[in-house]
Amino acid sequence: MDVTIKKIGINGLYIHASGRLDLDTAVDYGTKIKDTIEDSEEIIKEVILDFSEITFISSFGLKIILELFKLLKSQEGVLKLKNVSEQLMGSFKLVGFDKFLVFE
């Protein structure tokens, strides 16, 4: 899985990845994002995850998304998911993530 992380303004990140977010890839995906947030000189307040090229998300991938949400919430930040397919949205709704995550 290729993960591209771009800084947006002073305290935002835009993350683009492609492929499957499953047991084999989710740890690396989450670690890259968490390390970028924690290593930033500024407090990160907004993270946008671009799901336009994510084809599958497993329960482990959902766990990573939840961890990112909690990390940002602890910093009074927001996690936004962009370009989520109808199929993946079904997974988010099934576990109730649509109640607290921001989808664009």
C-alpha atoms as a PDB file:
ATOM      1  CA  MET A   1       0.000   0.000   0.000  1.00  0.00           C
ATOM      2  CA  ASP A   2       1.343   3.377  -1.026  1.00  0.00           C
ATOM      3  CA  VAL A   3       0.596   6.130   1.489  1.00  0.00           C
ATOM      4  CA  THR A   4       1.112   9.783   0.606  1.00  0.00           C
ATOM      5  CA  ILE A   5       0.932  12.370   3.370  1.00  0.00           C
ATOM      6  CA  LYS A   6       0.749  16.066   2.539  1.00  0.00           C
ATOM      7  CA  LYS A   7       0.671  18.961   4.938  1.00  0.00           C
ATOM      8  CA  ILE A   8      -2.333  21.291   4.614  1.00  0.00           C
ATOM      9  CA  GLY A   9      -1.747  24.746   5.994  1.00  0.00           C
ATOM     10  CA  ILE A  10      -0.220  24.933   9.447  1.00  0.00           C
ATOM     11  CA  ASN A  11      -2.039  22.164  11.270  1.00  0.00           C
ATOM     12  CA  GLY A  12      -3.659  19.837   8.745  1.00  0.00           C
ATOM     13  CA  LEU A  13      -2.769  16.635   6.935  1.00  0.00           C
ATOM     14  CA  TYR A  14      -4.125  15.085   3.740  1.00  0.00           C
ATOM     15  CA  ILE A  15      -3.548  11.344   3.427  1.00  0.00           C
ATOM     16  CA  HIS A  16      -4.025   9.421   0.201  1.00  0.00           C
ATOM     17  CA  ALA A  17      -3.610   5.661  -0.052  1.00  0.00           C
ATOM     18  CA  SER A  18      -4.621   2.949  -2.460  1.00  0.00           C
ATOM     19  CA  GLY A  19      -5.504  -0.705  -2.135  1.00  0.00           C
ATOM     20  CA  ARG A  20      -6.823  -2.701   0.783  1.00  0.00           C
ATOM     21  CA  LEU A  21      -6.848  -1.521   4.381  1.00  0.00           C
ATOM     22  CA  ASP A  22      -6.610  -4.896   6.096  1.00  0.00           C
ATOM     23  CA  LEU A  23      -4.501  -6.857   8.573  1.00  0.00           C
ATOM     24  CA  ASP A  24      -1.486  -6.755   6.250  1.00  0.00           C
ATOM     25  CA  THR A  25      -1.557  -2.999   5.551  1.00  0.00           C
ATOM     26  CA  ALA A  26      -3.490  -1.220   8.310  1.00  0.00           C
ATOM     27  CA  VAL A  27      -0.697  -1.207  10.900  1.00  0.00           C
ATOM     28  CA  ASP A  28       1.746   0.471   8.536  1.00  0.00           C
ATOM     29  CA  TYR A  29      -0.942   2.926   7.390  1.00  0.00           C
ATOM     30  CA  GLY A  30      -1.850   3.875  10.946  1.00  0.00           C
ATOM     31  CA  THR A  31       1.758   4.058  12.123  1.00  0.00           C
ATOM     32  CA  LYS A  32       2.772   6.416   9.310  1.00  0.00           C
ATOM     33  CA  ILE A  33      -0.115   8.756  10.085  1.00  0.00           C
ATOM     34  CA  LYS A  34       0.315   8.624  13.880  1.00  0.00           C
ATOM     35  CA  ASP A  35       4.069   9.226  13.608  1.00  0.00           C
ATOM     36  CA  THR A  36       3.461  12.231  11.351  1.00  0.00           C
ATOM     37  CA  ILE A  37       0.919  13.657  13.805  1.00  0.00           C
ATOM     38  CA  GLU A  38       3.132  13.074  16.835  1.00  0.00           C
ATOM     39  CA  ASP A  39       6.323  14.343  15.148  1.00  0.00           C
ATOM     40  CA  SER A  40       4.707  17.547  13.877  1.00  0.00           C
ATOM     41  CA  GLU A  41       5.978  20.784  15.394  1.00  0.00           C
ATOM     42  CA  GLU A  42       2.411  22.106  15.287  1.00  0.00           C
ATOM     43  CA  ILE A  43      -0.566  20.397  16.914  1.00  0.00           C
ATOM     44  CA  ILE A  44      -2.458  18.679  14.105  1.00  0.00           C
ATOM     45  CA  LYS A  45      -6.118  19.721  14.196  1.00  0.00           C
ATOM     46  CA  GLU A  46      -7.428  18.216  10.955  1.00  0.00           C
ATOM     47  CA  VAL A  47      -6.663  14.992   9.135  1.00  0.00           C
ATOM     48  CA  ILE A  48      -8.369  14.163   5.847  1.00  0.00           C
ATOM     49  CA  LEU A  49      -8.220  10.543   4.735  1.00  0.00           C
ATOM     50  CA  ASP A  50      -8.834  10.223   0.993  1.00  0.00           C
ATOM     51  CA  PHE A  51     -10.518   6.866   0.393  1.00  0.00           C
ATOM     52  CA  SER A  52     -10.943   7.304  -3.379  1.00  0.00           C
ATOM     53  CA  GLU A  53      -8.570   4.399  -4.067  1.00  0.00           C
ATOM     54  CA  ILE A  54      -9.227   2.235  -0.998  1.00  0.00           C
ATOM     55  CA  THR A  55     -10.994  -0.890  -2.239  1.00  0.00           C
ATOM     56  CA  PHE A  56     -11.587  -2.765   1.029  1.00  0.00           C
ATOM     57  CA  ILE A  57     -11.500  -2.163   4.779  1.00  0.00           C
ATOM     58  CA  SER A  58     -11.361  -4.972   7.333  1.00  0.00           C
ATOM     59  CA  SER A  59     -12.292  -4.846  11.010  1.00  0.00           C
ATOM     60  CA  PHE A  60      -8.615  -4.243  11.720  1.00  0.00           C
ATOM     61  CA  GLY A  61      -8.641  -1.288   9.329  1.00  0.00           C
ATOM     62  CA  LEU A  62     -11.708   0.060  11.143  1.00  0.00           C
ATOM     63  CA  LYS A  63      -9.795  -0.265  14.426  1.00  0.00           C
ATOM     64  CA  ILE A  64      -6.980   1.880  13.014  1.00  0.00           C
ATOM     65  CA  ILE A  65      -9.494   4.542  11.915  1.00  0.00           C
ATOM     66  CA  LEU A  66     -10.981   4.543  15.431  1.00  0.00           C
ATOM     67  CA  GLU A  67      -7.510   4.976  16.971  1.00  0.00           C
ATOM     68  CA  LEU A  68      -6.810   7.930  14.668  1.00  0.00           C
ATOM     69  CA  PHE A  69     -10.168   9.461  15.605  1.00  0.00           C
ATOM     70  CA  LYS A  70      -9.363   9.145  19.328  1.00  0.00           C
ATOM     71  CA  LEU A  71      -5.868  10.607  18.876  1.00  0.00           C
ATOM     72  CA  LEU A  72      -7.225  13.647  17.038  1.00  0.00           C
ATOM     73  CA  LYS A  73     -10.086  14.091  19.482  1.00  0.00           C
ATOM     74  CA  SER A  74      -7.564  14.200  22.336  1.00  0.00           C
ATOM     75  CA  GLN A  75      -5.922  17.132  20.523  1.00  0.00           C
ATOM     76  CA  GLU A  76      -9.287  18.796  19.872  1.00  0.00           C
ATOM     77  CA  GLY A  77      -8.906  17.916  16.215  1.00  0.00           C
ATOM     78  CA  VAL A  78     -11.135  16.329  13.599  1.00  0.00           C
ATOM     79  CA  LEU A  79     -10.795  13.290  11.349  1.00  0.00           C
ATOM     80  CA  LYS A  80     -12.522  13.549   7.967  1.00  0.00           C
ATOM     81  CA  LEU A  81     -12.996  10.785   5.423  1.00  0.00           C
ATOM     82  CA  LYS A  82     -13.317  11.843   1.815  1.00  0.00           C
ATOM     83  CA  ASN A  83     -14.444   9.955  -1.302  1.00  0.00           C
ATOM     84  CA  VAL A  84     -15.700   6.883   0.572  1.00  0.00           C
ATOM     85  CA  SER A  85     -17.332   4.367  -1.775  1.00  0.00           C
ATOM     86  CA  GLU A  86     -20.857   3.134  -1.144  1.00  0.00           C
ATOM     87  CA  GLN A  87     -19.489  -0.324  -0.298  1.00  0.00           C
ATOM     88  CA  LEU A  88     -17.051   1.018   2.297  1.00  0.00           C
ATOM     89  CA  MET A  89     -19.685   3.378   3.704  1.00  0.00           C
ATOM     90  CA  GLY A  90     -21.741   0.279   4.437  1.00  0.00           C
ATOM     91  CA  SER A  91     -18.927  -1.022   6.650  1.00  0.00           C
ATOM     92  CA  PHE A  92     -18.683   2.286   8.498  1.00  0.00           C
ATOM     93  CA  LYS A  93     -22.448   2.384   9.043  1.00  0.00           C
ATOM     94  CA  LEU A  94     -22.565  -1.243  10.169  1.00  0.00           C
ATOM     95  CA  VAL A  95     -20.268  -0.482  13.124  1.00  0.00           C
ATOM     96  CA  GLY A  96     -21.777   2.949  13.843  1.00  0.00           C
ATOM     97  CA  PHE A  97     -18.830   5.063  12.725  1.00  0.00           C
ATOM     98  CA  ASP A  98     -21.192   7.250  10.707  1.00  0.00           C
ATOM     99  CA  LYS A  99     -22.465   8.602  14.052  1.00  0.00           C
ATOM    100  CA  PHE A 100     -19.176  10.332  14.938  1.00  0.00           C
ATOM    101  CA  LEU A 101     -16.912  10.502  11.895  1.00  0.00           C
ATOM    102  CA  VAL A 102     -17.109  13.304   9.338  1.00  0.00           C
ATOM    103  CA  PHE A 103     -17.653  12.148   5.743  1.00  0.00           C
ATOM    104  CA  GLU A 104     -17.181  14.477   2.781  1.00  0.00           C
END
